[in-house]
């Protein structure tokens, strides 16, 4: 299977490679960039290497996982976006994180749209979800622009309000 997953006007999405660890750490090691991701803790380089290994196992198991997002004009890795099943959840979930220098350029929306299309077209996914902290307005905007719709809100284990947004193939056609 090709490493290339999708191309957009400004971005290239490809399978994550082992040598992406330093670029991944530049994103996931940034406390500010991680403020709305998981528990908000930055990851070490070793943890990033571990997540790349997990991603490779996801490729083997499902055919998809997180991917590396590259800015066409510069060839620079600007972030990561993919479809995952955290803790074995049934539904594919769209996840993403970008370098702070890439924020505000529309890259997250562009890659999210392309990833949803890839998941549907190549892997037959007709239902894809995304979860965000309810206070993360920028991510909500990205997901709505990418074609997802608000579904519901629920409290996380620590009481943080989480919003679930969803993309459904039958709604996308209408």
N, C-alpha and C. Protein backbone atom coordinates (compact mmCIF):
# COMPACT_ATOMS: atom_id res chain seq x y z
N UNK A 1 0.85 -1.19 0.00
CA UNK A 1 0.00 0.00 0.00
C UNK A 1 0.89 1.24 0.00
N UNK A 2 0.51 2.23 -0.76
CA UNK A 2 1.27 3.46 -0.89
C UNK A 2 1.33 4.23 0.42
N UNK A 3 2.42 4.94 0.64
CA UNK A 3 2.52 5.79 1.82
C UNK A 3 1.65 7.02 1.69
N UNK A 4 1.38 7.46 0.45
CA UNK A 4 0.56 8.63 0.21
C UNK A 4 -0.90 8.29 0.48
N UNK A 5 -1.55 9.10 1.33
CA UNK A 5 -2.97 8.89 1.64
C UNK A 5 -3.85 9.86 0.87
N UNK A 6 -3.43 11.12 0.83
CA UNK A 6 -4.20 12.13 0.12
C UNK A 6 -3.33 13.34 -0.18
N UNK A 7 -3.79 14.11 -1.15
CA UNK A 7 -3.18 15.39 -1.46
C UNK A 7 -4.28 16.41 -1.58
N UNK A 8 -4.03 17.60 -1.07
CA UNK A 8 -4.95 18.72 -1.23
C UNK A 8 -4.18 19.83 -1.93
N UNK A 9 -4.81 20.94 -2.09
CA UNK A 9 -4.14 22.07 -2.75
C UNK A 9 -2.85 22.46 -2.03
N UNK A 10 -2.86 22.41 -0.68
CA UNK A 10 -1.70 22.88 0.07
C UNK A 10 -1.00 21.83 0.90
N UNK A 11 -1.60 20.64 1.02
CA UNK A 11 -1.08 19.64 1.95
C UNK A 11 -0.93 18.26 1.32
N UNK A 12 -0.05 17.49 1.91
CA UNK A 12 0.12 16.09 1.57
C UNK A 12 -0.07 15.30 2.86
N UNK A 13 -0.88 14.27 2.81
CA UNK A 13 -1.05 13.37 3.95
C UNK A 13 -0.45 12.03 3.59
N UNK A 14 0.47 11.55 4.43
CA UNK A 14 1.11 10.26 4.17
C UNK A 14 1.19 9.47 5.46
N UNK A 15 1.42 8.18 5.31
CA UNK A 15 1.61 7.34 6.48
C UNK A 15 2.76 7.87 7.32
N UNK A 16 2.62 7.72 8.60
CA UNK A 16 3.65 8.15 9.52
C UNK A 16 4.86 7.22 9.40
N UNK A 17 6.04 7.80 9.44
CA UNK A 17 7.29 7.04 9.35
C UNK A 17 8.04 7.13 10.67
N UNK A 18 8.90 6.16 10.92
CA UNK A 18 9.67 6.14 12.16
C UNK A 18 10.50 7.41 12.33
N UNK A 19 10.99 7.98 11.23
CA UNK A 19 11.82 9.18 11.35
C UNK A 19 10.99 10.46 11.50
N UNK A 20 9.68 10.33 11.70
CA UNK A 20 8.83 11.49 12.00
C UNK A 20 8.82 11.82 13.49
N UNK A 21 9.54 11.06 14.30
CA UNK A 21 9.48 11.22 15.75
C UNK A 21 9.85 12.64 16.21
N UNK A 22 10.90 13.22 15.65
CA UNK A 22 11.30 14.57 16.08
C UNK A 22 10.23 15.60 15.72
N UNK A 23 9.66 15.47 14.52
CA UNK A 23 8.59 16.39 14.10
C UNK A 23 7.35 16.19 14.96
N UNK A 24 7.07 14.94 15.30
CA UNK A 24 5.92 14.66 16.17
C UNK A 24 6.15 15.28 17.55
N UNK A 25 7.37 15.16 18.03
CA UNK A 25 7.69 15.73 19.34
C UNK A 25 7.57 17.26 19.32
N UNK A 26 7.87 17.89 18.18
CA UNK A 26 7.72 19.34 18.08
C UNK A 26 6.27 19.77 18.28
N UNK A 27 5.34 18.89 17.94
CA UNK A 27 3.91 19.17 18.14
C UNK A 27 3.47 18.68 19.52
N UNK A 28 3.61 17.38 19.76
CA UNK A 28 3.08 16.77 20.98
C UNK A 28 3.93 17.05 22.22
N UNK A 29 5.10 17.60 22.04
CA UNK A 29 5.93 18.00 23.17
C UNK A 29 5.70 19.44 23.58
N UNK A 30 4.86 20.15 22.86
CA UNK A 30 4.54 21.56 23.13
C UNK A 30 3.34 21.63 24.07
N UNK A 31 3.56 22.10 25.28
CA UNK A 31 2.49 22.16 26.29
C UNK A 31 1.30 22.98 25.79
N UNK A 32 1.55 24.11 25.12
CA UNK A 32 0.45 24.93 24.62
C UNK A 32 -0.36 24.20 23.56
N UNK A 33 0.32 23.48 22.66
CA UNK A 33 -0.36 22.74 21.61
C UNK A 33 -1.17 21.59 22.18
N UNK A 34 -0.77 21.07 23.33
CA UNK A 34 -1.44 19.92 23.93
C UNK A 34 -2.54 20.31 24.92
N UNK A 35 -2.75 21.60 25.12
CA UNK A 35 -3.72 22.05 26.12
C UNK A 35 -5.09 21.41 25.97
N UNK A 36 -5.50 21.11 24.75
CA UNK A 36 -6.83 20.55 24.51
C UNK A 36 -6.77 19.09 24.06
N UNK A 37 -5.60 18.46 24.16
CA UNK A 37 -5.43 17.08 23.71
C UNK A 37 -5.31 16.18 24.94
N UNK A 38 -6.15 15.18 25.02
CA UNK A 38 -6.09 14.21 26.12
C UNK A 38 -6.05 14.88 27.47
N UNK A 39 -5.04 14.50 28.28
CA UNK A 39 -4.92 15.07 29.62
C UNK A 39 -4.15 16.39 29.62
N UNK A 40 -3.76 16.86 28.45
CA UNK A 40 -3.06 18.14 28.33
C UNK A 40 -1.57 18.06 28.56
N UNK A 41 -1.06 16.87 28.84
CA UNK A 41 0.37 16.72 29.12
C UNK A 41 1.16 16.60 27.82
N UNK A 42 2.30 17.25 27.80
CA UNK A 42 3.21 17.13 26.66
C UNK A 42 3.86 15.74 26.68
N UNK A 43 4.22 15.25 25.49
CA UNK A 43 4.85 13.94 25.37
C UNK A 43 6.36 14.09 25.20
N UNK A 44 7.08 13.13 25.71
CA UNK A 44 8.53 13.08 25.50
C UNK A 44 8.81 12.51 24.11
N UNK A 45 10.05 12.64 23.67
CA UNK A 45 10.44 12.06 22.39
C UNK A 45 10.23 10.55 22.41
N UNK A 46 10.55 9.92 23.51
CA UNK A 46 10.38 8.46 23.63
C UNK A 46 8.90 8.08 23.52
N UNK A 47 8.03 8.87 24.12
CA UNK A 47 6.59 8.60 24.02
C UNK A 47 6.10 8.77 22.58
N UNK A 48 6.64 9.76 21.88
CA UNK A 48 6.28 9.95 20.47
C UNK A 48 6.72 8.74 19.64
N UNK A 49 7.92 8.25 19.91
CA UNK A 49 8.39 7.05 19.21
C UNK A 49 7.46 5.87 19.47
N UNK A 50 6.98 5.75 20.70
CA UNK A 50 6.03 4.70 21.06
C UNK A 50 4.71 4.84 20.31
N UNK A 51 4.24 6.07 20.17
CA UNK A 51 2.98 6.30 19.44
C UNK A 51 3.14 5.99 17.96
N UNK A 52 4.31 6.21 17.41
CA UNK A 52 4.55 5.83 16.02
C UNK A 52 4.48 4.32 15.86
N UNK A 53 5.02 3.59 16.82
CA UNK A 53 4.92 2.12 16.80
C UNK A 53 3.46 1.69 16.87
N UNK A 54 2.68 2.31 17.74
CA UNK A 54 1.25 1.99 17.84
C UNK A 54 0.55 2.30 16.52
N UNK A 55 0.90 3.41 15.90
CA UNK A 55 0.31 3.78 14.61
C UNK A 55 0.61 2.71 13.56
N UNK A 56 1.83 2.22 13.53
CA UNK A 56 2.18 1.17 12.56
C UNK A 56 1.38 -0.10 12.80
N UNK A 57 1.12 -0.43 14.06
CA UNK A 57 0.27 -1.59 14.36
C UNK A 57 -1.17 -1.33 13.90
N UNK A 58 -1.64 -0.08 14.04
CA UNK A 58 -2.98 0.27 13.55
C UNK A 58 -3.07 0.11 12.04
N UNK A 59 -2.02 0.51 11.32
CA UNK A 59 -2.00 0.32 9.86
C UNK A 59 -2.14 -1.16 9.52
N UNK A 60 -1.41 -1.99 10.27
CA UNK A 60 -1.47 -3.44 10.01
C UNK A 60 -2.85 -4.00 10.33
N UNK A 61 -3.44 -3.53 11.42
CA UNK A 61 -4.72 -4.08 11.87
C UNK A 61 -5.90 -3.56 11.06
N UNK A 62 -5.96 -2.25 10.84
CA UNK A 62 -7.13 -1.64 10.22
C UNK A 62 -6.88 -1.06 8.83
N UNK A 63 -5.62 -0.83 8.51
CA UNK A 63 -5.30 -0.20 7.23
C UNK A 63 -5.18 1.30 7.32
N UNK A 64 -5.45 1.85 8.50
CA UNK A 64 -5.36 3.30 8.69
C UNK A 64 -4.97 3.60 10.13
N UNK A 65 -4.63 4.87 10.37
CA UNK A 65 -4.22 5.34 11.69
C UNK A 65 -3.88 6.82 11.57
N UNK A 66 -2.98 7.29 12.39
CA UNK A 66 -2.55 8.68 12.29
C UNK A 66 -1.65 8.83 11.06
N UNK A 67 -1.62 10.04 10.52
CA UNK A 67 -0.77 10.31 9.36
C UNK A 67 -0.01 11.61 9.57
N UNK A 68 1.01 11.76 8.79
CA UNK A 68 1.85 12.95 8.82
C UNK A 68 1.32 13.93 7.79
N UNK A 69 1.19 15.19 8.18
CA UNK A 69 0.69 16.23 7.28
C UNK A 69 1.84 17.15 6.91
N UNK A 70 2.06 17.27 5.61
CA UNK A 70 3.19 18.03 5.08
C UNK A 70 2.68 19.21 4.27
N UNK A 71 3.27 20.37 4.49
CA UNK A 71 2.95 21.55 3.70
C UNK A 71 3.64 21.40 2.34
N UNK A 72 2.85 21.43 1.29
CA UNK A 72 3.39 21.24 -0.07
C UNK A 72 4.48 22.25 -0.42
N UNK A 73 4.22 23.51 -0.13
CA UNK A 73 5.11 24.59 -0.57
C UNK A 73 6.51 24.47 0.03
N UNK A 74 6.60 23.96 1.26
CA UNK A 74 7.90 23.92 1.94
C UNK A 74 8.44 22.51 2.17
N UNK A 75 7.56 21.51 2.10
CA UNK A 75 7.96 20.15 2.43
C UNK A 75 8.07 19.93 3.93
N UNK A 76 7.67 20.91 4.73
CA UNK A 76 7.76 20.84 6.18
C UNK A 76 6.58 20.06 6.76
N UNK A 77 6.87 19.25 7.77
CA UNK A 77 5.80 18.58 8.51
C UNK A 77 5.16 19.62 9.42
N UNK A 78 3.86 19.84 9.20
CA UNK A 78 3.15 20.86 9.98
C UNK A 78 2.25 20.25 11.05
N UNK A 79 2.00 18.94 10.96
CA UNK A 79 1.15 18.32 11.97
C UNK A 79 0.84 16.88 11.64
N UNK A 80 -0.18 16.40 12.36
CA UNK A 80 -0.58 15.00 12.26
C UNK A 80 -2.10 14.92 12.32
N UNK A 81 -2.67 14.04 11.52
CA UNK A 81 -4.12 13.89 11.45
C UNK A 81 -4.41 12.43 11.11
N UNK A 82 -5.44 11.88 11.67
CA UNK A 82 -5.74 10.50 11.34
C UNK A 82 -7.06 10.01 11.90
N UNK A 83 -7.31 8.75 11.64
CA UNK A 83 -8.49 8.05 12.12
C UNK A 83 -8.03 6.94 13.04
N UNK A 84 -8.52 6.96 14.26
CA UNK A 84 -8.08 6.01 15.28
C UNK A 84 -9.27 5.43 16.03
N UNK A 85 -9.00 4.44 16.83
CA UNK A 85 -10.01 3.80 17.68
C UNK A 85 -9.44 3.76 19.11
N UNK A 86 -9.46 4.89 19.83
CA UNK A 86 -8.84 4.91 21.15
C UNK A 86 -9.46 3.88 22.09
N UNK A 87 -8.60 3.19 22.80
CA UNK A 87 -9.03 2.20 23.79
C UNK A 87 -10.01 1.19 23.20
N UNK A 88 -9.83 0.88 21.91
CA UNK A 88 -10.66 -0.13 21.25
C UNK A 88 -12.07 0.29 20.92
N UNK A 89 -12.34 1.59 20.95
CA UNK A 89 -13.72 2.02 20.65
C UNK A 89 -14.11 1.58 19.24
N UNK A 90 -15.39 1.36 19.05
CA UNK A 90 -15.90 0.83 17.78
C UNK A 90 -15.79 1.85 16.66
N UNK A 91 -16.20 3.07 16.92
CA UNK A 91 -16.24 4.09 15.87
C UNK A 91 -14.87 4.70 15.60
N UNK A 92 -14.58 4.91 14.32
CA UNK A 92 -13.35 5.61 13.94
C UNK A 92 -13.46 7.06 14.41
N UNK A 93 -12.39 7.55 15.00
CA UNK A 93 -12.39 8.92 15.52
C UNK A 93 -11.30 9.74 14.83
N UNK A 94 -11.69 10.90 14.34
CA UNK A 94 -10.75 11.84 13.72
C UNK A 94 -9.99 12.55 14.83
N UNK A 95 -8.66 12.52 14.73
CA UNK A 95 -7.78 13.21 15.68
C UNK A 95 -6.78 14.03 14.89
N UNK A 96 -6.32 15.12 15.47
CA UNK A 96 -5.29 15.92 14.82
C UNK A 96 -4.60 16.84 15.82
N UNK A 97 -3.40 17.23 15.46
CA UNK A 97 -2.63 18.22 16.22
C UNK A 97 -1.62 18.83 15.25
N UNK A 98 -1.39 20.13 15.41
CA UNK A 98 -0.51 20.87 14.51
C UNK A 98 0.46 21.74 15.28
N UNK A 99 1.59 22.02 14.64
CA UNK A 99 2.54 22.99 15.20
C UNK A 99 1.83 24.33 15.36
N UNK A 100 2.18 25.04 16.40
CA UNK A 100 1.56 26.35 16.61
C UNK A 100 1.80 27.28 15.42
N UNK A 101 2.93 27.14 14.73
CA UNK A 101 3.21 28.00 13.58
C UNK A 101 2.26 27.73 12.41
N UNK A 102 1.54 26.60 12.45
CA UNK A 102 0.59 26.26 11.39
C UNK A 102 -0.85 26.62 11.76
N UNK A 103 -1.07 27.05 12.99
CA UNK A 103 -2.44 27.40 13.42
C UNK A 103 -2.94 28.62 12.66
N UNK A 104 -4.25 28.65 12.42
CA UNK A 104 -4.89 29.79 11.80
C UNK A 104 -4.76 29.85 10.29
N UNK A 105 -4.20 28.83 9.67
CA UNK A 105 -4.02 28.81 8.21
C UNK A 105 -5.06 27.96 7.49
N UNK A 106 -5.93 27.30 8.25
CA UNK A 106 -6.94 26.44 7.63
C UNK A 106 -6.45 25.04 7.33
N UNK A 107 -5.23 24.70 7.77
CA UNK A 107 -4.68 23.38 7.50
C UNK A 107 -5.48 22.27 8.19
N UNK A 108 -5.90 22.51 9.42
CA UNK A 108 -6.63 21.48 10.15
C UNK A 108 -7.93 21.13 9.43
N UNK A 109 -8.65 22.13 8.96
CA UNK A 109 -9.90 21.88 8.23
C UNK A 109 -9.61 21.16 6.91
N UNK A 110 -8.62 21.62 6.19
CA UNK A 110 -8.26 21.03 4.89
C UNK A 110 -7.88 19.56 5.05
N UNK A 111 -7.06 19.26 6.03
CA UNK A 111 -6.64 17.87 6.26
C UNK A 111 -7.79 17.03 6.80
N UNK A 112 -8.62 17.61 7.67
CA UNK A 112 -9.76 16.86 8.22
C UNK A 112 -10.72 16.44 7.11
N UNK A 113 -11.03 17.36 6.22
CA UNK A 113 -11.90 17.02 5.08
C UNK A 113 -11.29 15.88 4.25
N UNK A 114 -10.00 16.00 3.96
CA UNK A 114 -9.32 14.99 3.15
C UNK A 114 -9.27 13.65 3.88
N UNK A 115 -9.06 13.67 5.19
CA UNK A 115 -8.99 12.42 5.96
C UNK A 115 -10.35 11.75 6.02
N UNK A 116 -11.41 12.52 6.20
CA UNK A 116 -12.76 11.95 6.20
C UNK A 116 -13.05 11.32 4.84
N UNK A 117 -12.71 12.03 3.77
CA UNK A 117 -12.92 11.49 2.42
C UNK A 117 -12.11 10.21 2.22
N UNK A 118 -10.86 10.22 2.65
CA UNK A 118 -10.00 9.03 2.55
C UNK A 118 -10.62 7.86 3.31
N UNK A 119 -11.04 8.10 4.54
CA UNK A 119 -11.63 7.04 5.35
C UNK A 119 -12.88 6.45 4.71
N UNK A 120 -13.67 7.31 4.13
CA UNK A 120 -14.91 6.84 3.49
C UNK A 120 -14.62 6.13 2.17
N UNK A 121 -13.85 6.78 1.32
CA UNK A 121 -13.59 6.27 -0.04
C UNK A 121 -12.73 5.01 -0.04
N UNK A 122 -11.68 4.99 0.75
CA UNK A 122 -10.73 3.88 0.72
C UNK A 122 -11.09 2.78 1.73
N UNK A 123 -11.62 3.15 2.88
CA UNK A 123 -11.86 2.17 3.93
C UNK A 123 -13.34 1.91 4.20
N UNK A 124 -14.22 2.57 3.44
CA UNK A 124 -15.65 2.31 3.57
C UNK A 124 -16.27 2.79 4.87
N UNK A 125 -15.64 3.74 5.53
CA UNK A 125 -16.21 4.28 6.78
C UNK A 125 -17.37 5.21 6.46
N UNK A 126 -18.53 4.90 6.98
CA UNK A 126 -19.72 5.72 6.76
C UNK A 126 -20.07 6.58 7.96
N UNK A 127 -19.34 6.39 9.06
CA UNK A 127 -19.60 7.12 10.29
C UNK A 127 -18.26 7.37 10.97
N UNK A 128 -17.92 8.64 11.17
CA UNK A 128 -16.66 9.03 11.80
C UNK A 128 -16.99 10.07 12.86
N UNK A 129 -16.41 9.92 14.03
CA UNK A 129 -16.67 10.87 15.11
C UNK A 129 -15.43 11.69 15.42
N UNK A 130 -15.63 12.72 16.21
CA UNK A 130 -14.54 13.50 16.79
C UNK A 130 -15.02 13.96 18.15
N UNK A 131 -14.11 14.00 19.11
CA UNK A 131 -14.45 14.51 20.43
C UNK A 131 -13.53 15.67 20.76
N UNK A 132 -14.10 16.68 21.39
CA UNK A 132 -13.33 17.86 21.78
C UNK A 132 -13.79 18.32 23.16
N UNK A 133 -12.91 19.00 23.85
CA UNK A 133 -13.32 19.67 25.08
C UNK A 133 -14.27 20.78 24.67
N UNK A 134 -15.37 20.94 25.40
CA UNK A 134 -16.40 21.89 24.99
C UNK A 134 -15.90 23.33 24.93
N UNK A 135 -14.79 23.63 25.58
CA UNK A 135 -14.24 24.99 25.55
C UNK A 135 -13.32 25.23 24.36
N UNK A 136 -13.10 24.22 23.55
CA UNK A 136 -12.16 24.35 22.43
C UNK A 136 -12.90 24.82 21.17
N UNK A 137 -13.14 26.10 21.11
CA UNK A 137 -13.92 26.67 20.01
C UNK A 137 -13.24 26.53 18.67
N UNK A 138 -11.92 26.63 18.62
CA UNK A 138 -11.21 26.53 17.34
C UNK A 138 -11.41 25.13 16.73
N UNK A 139 -11.31 24.09 17.55
CA UNK A 139 -11.50 22.73 17.04
C UNK A 139 -12.95 22.51 16.62
N UNK A 140 -13.89 23.03 17.38
CA UNK A 140 -15.30 22.90 16.98
C UNK A 140 -15.50 23.50 15.60
N UNK A 141 -14.93 24.67 15.36
CA UNK A 141 -15.04 25.34 14.07
C UNK A 141 -14.43 24.49 12.96
N UNK A 142 -13.25 23.93 13.21
CA UNK A 142 -12.58 23.07 12.23
C UNK A 142 -13.49 21.91 11.84
N UNK A 143 -14.03 21.23 12.84
CA UNK A 143 -14.84 20.03 12.59
C UNK A 143 -16.14 20.36 11.87
N UNK A 144 -16.77 21.46 12.24
CA UNK A 144 -18.00 21.86 11.54
C UNK A 144 -17.71 22.20 10.08
N UNK A 145 -16.63 22.91 9.83
CA UNK A 145 -16.24 23.25 8.46
C UNK A 145 -15.87 22.00 7.66
N UNK A 146 -15.38 20.98 8.35
CA UNK A 146 -14.98 19.74 7.68
C UNK A 146 -16.18 18.84 7.37
N UNK A 147 -17.37 19.25 7.79
CA UNK A 147 -18.58 18.49 7.46
C UNK A 147 -19.16 17.68 8.59
N UNK A 148 -18.61 17.81 9.77
CA UNK A 148 -19.17 17.10 10.92
C UNK A 148 -20.31 17.93 11.52
N UNK A 149 -21.15 17.24 12.26
CA UNK A 149 -22.28 17.91 12.93
C UNK A 149 -22.25 17.60 14.41
N UNK A 150 -22.66 18.59 15.18
CA UNK A 150 -22.73 18.43 16.63
C UNK A 150 -23.70 17.30 16.95
N UNK A 151 -23.31 16.42 17.85
CA UNK A 151 -24.18 15.33 18.28
C UNK A 151 -24.66 15.54 19.72
N UNK A 152 -23.72 15.53 20.66
CA UNK A 152 -24.11 15.72 22.05
C UNK A 152 -22.89 16.05 22.92
N UNK A 153 -23.17 16.38 24.16
CA UNK A 153 -22.14 16.75 25.14
C UNK A 153 -22.27 15.79 26.33
N UNK A 154 -21.11 15.42 26.91
CA UNK A 154 -21.13 14.54 28.07
C UNK A 154 -19.92 14.85 28.95
N UNK A 155 -20.00 14.52 30.25
CA UNK A 155 -18.85 14.77 31.13
C UNK A 155 -17.82 13.65 31.02
N UNK A 156 -16.55 14.05 30.96
CA UNK A 156 -15.44 13.09 30.98
C UNK A 156 -15.28 12.58 32.42
N UNK A 157 -14.37 11.64 32.62
CA UNK A 157 -14.14 11.06 33.94
C UNK A 157 -13.81 12.12 34.99
N UNK A 158 -13.10 13.19 34.55
CA UNK A 158 -12.72 14.24 35.50
C UNK A 158 -13.73 15.38 35.57
N UNK A 159 -14.87 15.22 34.88
CA UNK A 159 -15.92 16.24 34.90
C UNK A 159 -15.84 17.24 33.76
N UNK A 160 -14.76 17.19 32.97
CA UNK A 160 -14.63 18.08 31.81
C UNK A 160 -15.74 17.77 30.81
N UNK A 161 -16.40 18.81 30.32
CA UNK A 161 -17.44 18.59 29.31
C UNK A 161 -16.80 18.31 27.95
N UNK A 162 -17.23 17.22 27.34
CA UNK A 162 -16.74 16.78 26.04
C UNK A 162 -17.89 16.88 25.04
N UNK A 163 -17.59 17.36 23.84
CA UNK A 163 -18.59 17.39 22.77
C UNK A 163 -18.23 16.32 21.76
N UNK A 164 -19.25 15.62 21.29
CA UNK A 164 -19.06 14.64 20.24
C UNK A 164 -19.68 15.20 18.97
N UNK A 165 -18.89 15.23 17.92
CA UNK A 165 -19.36 15.63 16.60
C UNK A 165 -19.24 14.41 15.70
N UNK A 166 -20.05 14.33 14.67
CA UNK A 166 -20.04 13.14 13.82
C UNK A 166 -20.23 13.51 12.36
N UNK A 167 -19.62 12.70 11.52
CA UNK A 167 -19.80 12.76 10.06
C UNK A 167 -20.47 11.47 9.65
N UNK A 168 -21.56 11.60 8.90
CA UNK A 168 -22.27 10.44 8.38
C UNK A 168 -22.34 10.55 6.88
N UNK A 169 -22.01 9.48 6.20
CA UNK A 169 -21.99 9.48 4.73
C UNK A 169 -23.34 9.87 4.15
N UNK A 170 -24.43 9.37 4.72
CA UNK A 170 -25.75 9.67 4.16
C UNK A 170 -26.10 11.15 4.31
N UNK A 171 -25.60 11.81 5.36
CA UNK A 171 -25.86 13.25 5.53
C UNK A 171 -24.97 14.06 4.60
N UNK A 172 -23.77 13.57 4.33
CA UNK A 172 -22.83 14.28 3.46
C UNK A 172 -23.34 14.34 2.03
N UNK A 173 -24.11 13.34 1.63
CA UNK A 173 -24.62 13.28 0.25
C UNK A 173 -25.77 14.24 0.04
N UNK A 174 -26.46 14.61 1.11
CA UNK A 174 -27.64 15.47 0.97
C UNK A 174 -27.30 16.94 0.96
